[in-house]
N, C-alpha and C. Protein backbone atom coordinates (compact mmCIF):
# COMPACT_ATOMS: atom_id res chain seq x y z
N LEU A 1 -5.08 -3.14 -8.74
CA LEU A 1 -6.36 -2.75 -8.18
C LEU A 1 -7.46 -2.82 -9.22
N LYS A 2 -7.17 -2.27 -10.41
CA LYS A 2 -8.18 -2.28 -11.47
C LYS A 2 -8.55 -3.71 -11.86
N GLU A 3 -7.54 -4.59 -11.93
CA GLU A 3 -7.79 -5.98 -12.31
C GLU A 3 -8.63 -6.73 -11.28
N ASN A 4 -8.71 -6.19 -10.07
CA ASN A 4 -9.47 -6.83 -9.00
C ASN A 4 -10.79 -6.13 -8.71
N GLY A 5 -11.26 -5.31 -9.66
CA GLY A 5 -12.58 -4.72 -9.55
C GLY A 5 -12.69 -3.44 -8.77
N PHE A 6 -11.59 -2.77 -8.52
CA PHE A 6 -11.63 -1.55 -7.72
C PHE A 6 -12.07 -0.32 -8.50
N GLY A 7 -12.25 -0.42 -9.79
CA GLY A 7 -12.71 0.73 -10.56
C GLY A 7 -11.60 1.73 -10.77
N GLU A 8 -11.96 3.02 -10.75
CA GLU A 8 -10.99 4.07 -11.04
C GLU A 8 -9.91 4.15 -9.97
N VAL A 9 -8.67 4.21 -10.42
CA VAL A 9 -7.53 4.41 -9.53
C VAL A 9 -6.84 5.68 -9.99
N LYS A 10 -6.78 6.66 -9.09
CA LYS A 10 -6.13 7.93 -9.43
C LYS A 10 -4.70 7.91 -8.89
N SER A 11 -3.79 8.50 -9.66
CA SER A 11 -2.40 8.58 -9.25
C SER A 11 -2.02 10.05 -9.05
N TYR A 12 -1.40 10.32 -7.94
CA TYR A 12 -0.91 11.67 -7.63
C TYR A 12 0.59 11.55 -7.39
N ASP A 13 1.37 12.08 -8.32
CA ASP A 13 2.81 11.96 -8.23
C ASP A 13 3.40 13.12 -7.45
N ALA A 14 4.17 12.79 -6.40
CA ALA A 14 4.85 13.80 -5.59
C ALA A 14 6.29 13.92 -6.07
N PRO A 15 6.68 15.09 -6.57
CA PRO A 15 8.05 15.26 -7.07
C PRO A 15 9.08 14.93 -5.99
N ASP A 16 10.12 14.20 -6.40
CA ASP A 16 11.20 13.86 -5.48
C ASP A 16 12.45 13.54 -6.31
N ASP A 17 13.43 14.43 -6.27
CA ASP A 17 14.65 14.27 -7.05
C ASP A 17 15.53 13.13 -6.54
N ARG A 18 15.23 12.59 -5.35
CA ARG A 18 16.06 11.53 -4.79
C ARG A 18 15.77 10.16 -5.40
N VAL A 19 14.65 10.04 -6.10
CA VAL A 19 14.31 8.75 -6.70
C VAL A 19 14.55 8.80 -8.21
N GLU A 20 14.84 7.63 -8.78
CA GLU A 20 15.25 7.54 -10.17
C GLU A 20 14.25 8.16 -11.16
N CYS A 21 12.95 7.93 -10.95
CA CYS A 21 11.96 8.43 -11.90
C CYS A 21 11.59 9.90 -11.64
N GLY A 22 12.05 10.47 -10.51
CA GLY A 22 11.80 11.88 -10.22
C GLY A 22 10.53 12.17 -9.45
N TYR A 23 9.77 11.13 -9.10
CA TYR A 23 8.54 11.34 -8.32
C TYR A 23 8.22 10.08 -7.51
N ARG A 24 7.38 10.28 -6.51
CA ARG A 24 6.88 9.16 -5.71
C ARG A 24 5.38 9.06 -5.97
N PRO A 25 4.91 7.89 -6.41
CA PRO A 25 3.48 7.74 -6.73
C PRO A 25 2.62 7.62 -5.48
N ASN A 26 1.45 8.15 -5.54
CA ASN A 26 0.43 8.01 -4.50
C ASN A 26 -0.86 7.61 -5.21
N LEU A 27 -1.51 6.56 -4.74
CA LEU A 27 -2.69 6.02 -5.41
C LEU A 27 -3.92 6.15 -4.54
N VAL A 28 -5.06 6.44 -5.18
CA VAL A 28 -6.33 6.59 -4.47
C VAL A 28 -7.41 5.86 -5.25
N THR A 29 -8.22 5.08 -4.54
CA THR A 29 -9.39 4.45 -5.14
C THR A 29 -10.52 4.46 -4.12
N VAL A 30 -11.74 4.50 -4.60
CA VAL A 30 -12.91 4.58 -3.72
C VAL A 30 -13.95 3.56 -4.16
N ILE A 31 -14.46 2.81 -3.19
CA ILE A 31 -15.60 1.93 -3.42
C ILE A 31 -16.84 2.73 -3.03
N PRO A 32 -17.72 3.02 -3.98
CA PRO A 32 -18.89 3.85 -3.66
C PRO A 32 -19.82 3.16 -2.65
N GLY A 33 -20.30 3.97 -1.71
CA GLY A 33 -21.24 3.47 -0.71
C GLY A 33 -22.65 3.99 -0.97
N GLN A 34 -23.57 3.58 -0.12
CA GLN A 34 -24.95 4.05 -0.23
C GLN A 34 -25.01 5.55 0.01
N ASP A 35 -24.27 6.02 1.03
CA ASP A 35 -24.17 7.46 1.32
C ASP A 35 -22.83 7.92 0.76
N ARG A 36 -22.87 8.56 -0.39
CA ARG A 36 -21.62 8.96 -1.06
C ARG A 36 -21.05 10.27 -0.53
N SER A 37 -21.70 10.86 0.46
CA SER A 37 -21.20 12.12 1.02
C SER A 37 -20.16 11.87 2.11
N ARG A 38 -20.00 10.62 2.52
CA ARG A 38 -19.04 10.29 3.59
C ARG A 38 -18.13 9.16 3.11
N THR A 39 -16.86 9.21 3.58
CA THR A 39 -15.88 8.20 3.18
C THR A 39 -15.06 7.78 4.38
N LEU A 40 -14.92 6.48 4.55
CA LEU A 40 -13.98 5.92 5.51
C LEU A 40 -12.67 5.71 4.75
N TRP A 41 -11.62 6.43 5.14
CA TRP A 41 -10.34 6.34 4.45
C TRP A 41 -9.42 5.38 5.18
N ILE A 42 -8.81 4.48 4.42
CA ILE A 42 -7.80 3.56 4.94
C ILE A 42 -6.50 3.93 4.24
N ILE A 43 -5.51 4.35 5.02
CA ILE A 43 -4.28 4.89 4.45
C ILE A 43 -3.10 3.96 4.79
N SER A 44 -2.31 3.64 3.78
CA SER A 44 -1.10 2.83 3.95
C SER A 44 0.03 3.48 3.16
N HIS A 45 1.25 3.31 3.65
CA HIS A 45 2.37 3.85 2.86
C HIS A 45 3.09 2.72 2.13
N MET A 46 3.62 3.04 0.93
CA MET A 46 4.21 2.04 0.05
C MET A 46 5.73 2.09 0.02
N ASP A 47 6.32 3.18 0.43
CA ASP A 47 7.76 3.30 0.28
C ASP A 47 8.50 2.49 1.34
N VAL A 48 9.75 2.24 1.05
CA VAL A 48 10.63 1.50 1.96
C VAL A 48 11.78 2.41 2.33
N VAL A 49 12.18 2.37 3.58
CA VAL A 49 13.30 3.18 4.04
C VAL A 49 14.55 2.79 3.25
N PRO A 50 15.36 3.77 2.82
CA PRO A 50 16.59 3.43 2.09
C PRO A 50 17.49 2.51 2.92
N VAL A 51 18.23 1.65 2.24
CA VAL A 51 19.07 0.66 2.93
C VAL A 51 20.27 1.28 3.62
N GLY A 52 20.67 2.46 3.19
CA GLY A 52 21.84 3.10 3.80
C GLY A 52 23.13 2.43 3.36
N ASP A 53 24.09 2.37 4.24
CA ASP A 53 25.41 1.82 3.95
C ASP A 53 25.32 0.30 3.83
N LEU A 54 25.49 -0.23 2.61
CA LEU A 54 25.36 -1.67 2.38
C LEU A 54 26.39 -2.48 3.17
N SER A 55 27.53 -1.87 3.52
CA SER A 55 28.55 -2.61 4.27
C SER A 55 28.09 -2.97 5.68
N LEU A 56 27.04 -2.30 6.16
CA LEU A 56 26.51 -2.59 7.50
C LEU A 56 25.54 -3.77 7.51
N TRP A 57 25.15 -4.23 6.33
CA TRP A 57 24.25 -5.37 6.21
C TRP A 57 25.08 -6.65 6.11
N GLU A 58 24.63 -7.69 6.80
CA GLU A 58 25.30 -9.00 6.70
C GLU A 58 24.77 -9.80 5.52
N THR A 59 23.59 -9.42 5.00
CA THR A 59 22.98 -10.10 3.85
C THR A 59 22.43 -9.05 2.90
N ASP A 60 21.97 -9.47 1.75
CA ASP A 60 21.33 -8.57 0.79
C ASP A 60 20.05 -8.04 1.43
N PRO A 61 19.93 -6.72 1.63
CA PRO A 61 18.76 -6.17 2.32
C PRO A 61 17.43 -6.41 1.60
N PHE A 62 17.48 -6.72 0.30
CA PHE A 62 16.24 -6.95 -0.45
C PHE A 62 15.91 -8.43 -0.61
N LYS A 63 16.62 -9.28 0.12
CA LYS A 63 16.30 -10.71 0.15
C LYS A 63 15.95 -11.06 1.59
N ILE A 64 14.81 -11.72 1.74
CA ILE A 64 14.35 -12.09 3.08
C ILE A 64 15.23 -13.21 3.63
N VAL A 65 15.65 -13.04 4.87
CA VAL A 65 16.44 -14.05 5.56
C VAL A 65 15.71 -14.42 6.84
N GLN A 66 15.50 -15.72 7.05
CA GLN A 66 14.87 -16.18 8.29
C GLN A 66 15.95 -16.78 9.17
N ASP A 67 15.99 -16.34 10.42
CA ASP A 67 16.93 -16.85 11.41
C ASP A 67 16.12 -17.23 12.64
N GLY A 68 15.76 -18.51 12.75
CA GLY A 68 14.88 -18.94 13.84
C GLY A 68 13.50 -18.34 13.64
N ASP A 69 13.03 -17.62 14.64
CA ASP A 69 11.72 -16.97 14.57
C ASP A 69 11.77 -15.56 13.99
N ALA A 70 12.97 -15.07 13.68
CA ALA A 70 13.13 -13.70 13.19
C ALA A 70 13.26 -13.69 11.67
N ILE A 71 12.70 -12.64 11.06
CA ILE A 71 12.82 -12.42 9.62
C ILE A 71 13.54 -11.10 9.42
N TYR A 72 14.58 -11.10 8.58
CA TYR A 72 15.37 -9.91 8.32
C TYR A 72 15.28 -9.51 6.85
N GLY A 73 15.31 -8.23 6.60
CA GLY A 73 15.30 -7.69 5.25
C GLY A 73 14.70 -6.30 5.29
N CYS A 74 15.06 -5.50 4.33
CA CYS A 74 14.58 -4.12 4.27
C CYS A 74 13.06 -4.11 4.08
N GLY A 75 12.35 -3.52 5.03
CA GLY A 75 10.91 -3.38 4.92
C GLY A 75 10.08 -4.50 5.49
N VAL A 76 10.69 -5.52 6.14
CA VAL A 76 9.88 -6.64 6.63
C VAL A 76 8.92 -6.22 7.74
N GLU A 77 9.28 -5.23 8.52
CA GLU A 77 8.37 -4.72 9.55
C GLU A 77 8.03 -3.28 9.17
N ASP A 78 7.27 -3.17 8.13
CA ASP A 78 6.90 -1.88 7.58
C ASP A 78 5.39 -1.87 7.45
N ASN A 79 4.85 -1.02 6.61
CA ASN A 79 3.41 -0.90 6.51
C ASN A 79 2.80 -1.77 5.41
N HIS A 80 3.59 -2.64 4.81
CA HIS A 80 3.06 -3.44 3.71
C HIS A 80 1.98 -4.40 4.17
N GLN A 81 2.09 -4.90 5.41
CA GLN A 81 1.02 -5.77 5.89
C GLN A 81 -0.30 -5.00 5.99
N GLY A 82 -0.25 -3.73 6.34
CA GLY A 82 -1.45 -2.89 6.37
C GLY A 82 -2.01 -2.65 4.98
N LEU A 83 -1.11 -2.43 4.04
CA LEU A 83 -1.54 -2.22 2.66
C LEU A 83 -2.22 -3.47 2.12
N VAL A 84 -1.57 -4.61 2.28
CA VAL A 84 -2.12 -5.87 1.75
C VAL A 84 -3.44 -6.22 2.43
N SER A 85 -3.52 -6.07 3.75
CA SER A 85 -4.76 -6.42 4.45
C SER A 85 -5.90 -5.48 4.06
N SER A 86 -5.61 -4.21 3.78
CA SER A 86 -6.69 -3.30 3.35
C SER A 86 -7.21 -3.69 1.98
N VAL A 87 -6.33 -4.13 1.09
CA VAL A 87 -6.77 -4.58 -0.23
C VAL A 87 -7.58 -5.86 -0.12
N ILE A 88 -7.10 -6.82 0.67
CA ILE A 88 -7.82 -8.09 0.83
C ILE A 88 -9.21 -7.86 1.43
N ALA A 89 -9.29 -7.01 2.46
CA ALA A 89 -10.58 -6.76 3.11
C ALA A 89 -11.57 -6.07 2.17
N THR A 90 -11.11 -5.07 1.44
CA THR A 90 -12.03 -4.36 0.54
C THR A 90 -12.37 -5.21 -0.68
N LYS A 91 -11.45 -6.05 -1.13
CA LYS A 91 -11.77 -6.97 -2.22
C LYS A 91 -12.84 -7.96 -1.77
N ALA A 92 -12.76 -8.43 -0.53
CA ALA A 92 -13.80 -9.33 -0.01
C ALA A 92 -15.15 -8.63 -0.01
N LEU A 93 -15.16 -7.35 0.35
CA LEU A 93 -16.40 -6.58 0.31
C LEU A 93 -16.93 -6.49 -1.12
N LEU A 94 -16.05 -6.19 -2.07
CA LEU A 94 -16.46 -6.13 -3.48
C LEU A 94 -17.01 -7.48 -3.95
N ASP A 95 -16.30 -8.55 -3.60
CA ASP A 95 -16.71 -9.90 -4.04
C ASP A 95 -18.03 -10.33 -3.43
N SER A 96 -18.37 -9.76 -2.27
CA SER A 96 -19.63 -10.13 -1.61
C SER A 96 -20.85 -9.56 -2.33
N GLY A 97 -20.62 -8.51 -3.14
CA GLY A 97 -21.72 -7.86 -3.84
C GLY A 97 -22.48 -6.87 -2.98
N LEU A 98 -22.05 -6.68 -1.74
CA LEU A 98 -22.71 -5.73 -0.84
C LEU A 98 -22.21 -4.32 -1.10
N THR A 99 -23.08 -3.34 -0.94
CA THR A 99 -22.69 -1.94 -1.04
C THR A 99 -22.54 -1.41 0.37
N PRO A 100 -21.35 -0.89 0.70
CA PRO A 100 -21.16 -0.38 2.07
C PRO A 100 -22.07 0.82 2.34
N GLY A 101 -22.32 1.08 3.62
CA GLY A 101 -23.17 2.20 4.01
C GLY A 101 -22.59 3.54 3.56
N ILE A 102 -21.28 3.65 3.62
CA ILE A 102 -20.58 4.86 3.15
C ILE A 102 -19.45 4.44 2.22
N ASN A 103 -18.86 5.38 1.52
CA ASN A 103 -17.72 5.07 0.65
C ASN A 103 -16.58 4.48 1.48
N ILE A 104 -15.84 3.58 0.85
CA ILE A 104 -14.60 3.06 1.44
C ILE A 104 -13.48 3.51 0.51
N GLY A 105 -12.58 4.31 1.03
CA GLY A 105 -11.48 4.82 0.23
C GLY A 105 -10.14 4.25 0.67
N LEU A 106 -9.33 3.88 -0.30
CA LEU A 106 -7.98 3.40 -0.04
C LEU A 106 -7.01 4.42 -0.57
N ILE A 107 -6.04 4.78 0.25
CA ILE A 107 -4.97 5.70 -0.16
C ILE A 107 -3.64 5.00 0.10
N PHE A 108 -2.84 4.88 -0.94
CA PHE A 108 -1.50 4.31 -0.81
C PHE A 108 -0.51 5.43 -1.10
N VAL A 109 0.22 5.82 -0.08
CA VAL A 109 1.10 6.99 -0.19
C VAL A 109 2.57 6.58 -0.15
N SER A 110 3.38 7.42 -0.79
CA SER A 110 4.82 7.26 -0.73
C SER A 110 5.38 8.32 0.19
């Protein structure tokens, strides 16, 4: 986000003993608007549902498999398309040089 001109990115770590590092990161960034008293928040989640019992998978759950028109893999129909589209849309706004009427905030939660 910082490399793409989003400015300050705040991280809020939520403790979680189930994950290796002991926390789940949550990120927040705001594009300042003309009226800084109001913010349009766009929220996306970053985590992926655990794979569960690997013996129930016919393929590696972290490798995308295409079978005809279907795509299989852990997280392929998750919120990542929302996360990516929110970044692309707000980056386009930043690249345009326009200042939005109100703040645009992105929240990526685990």
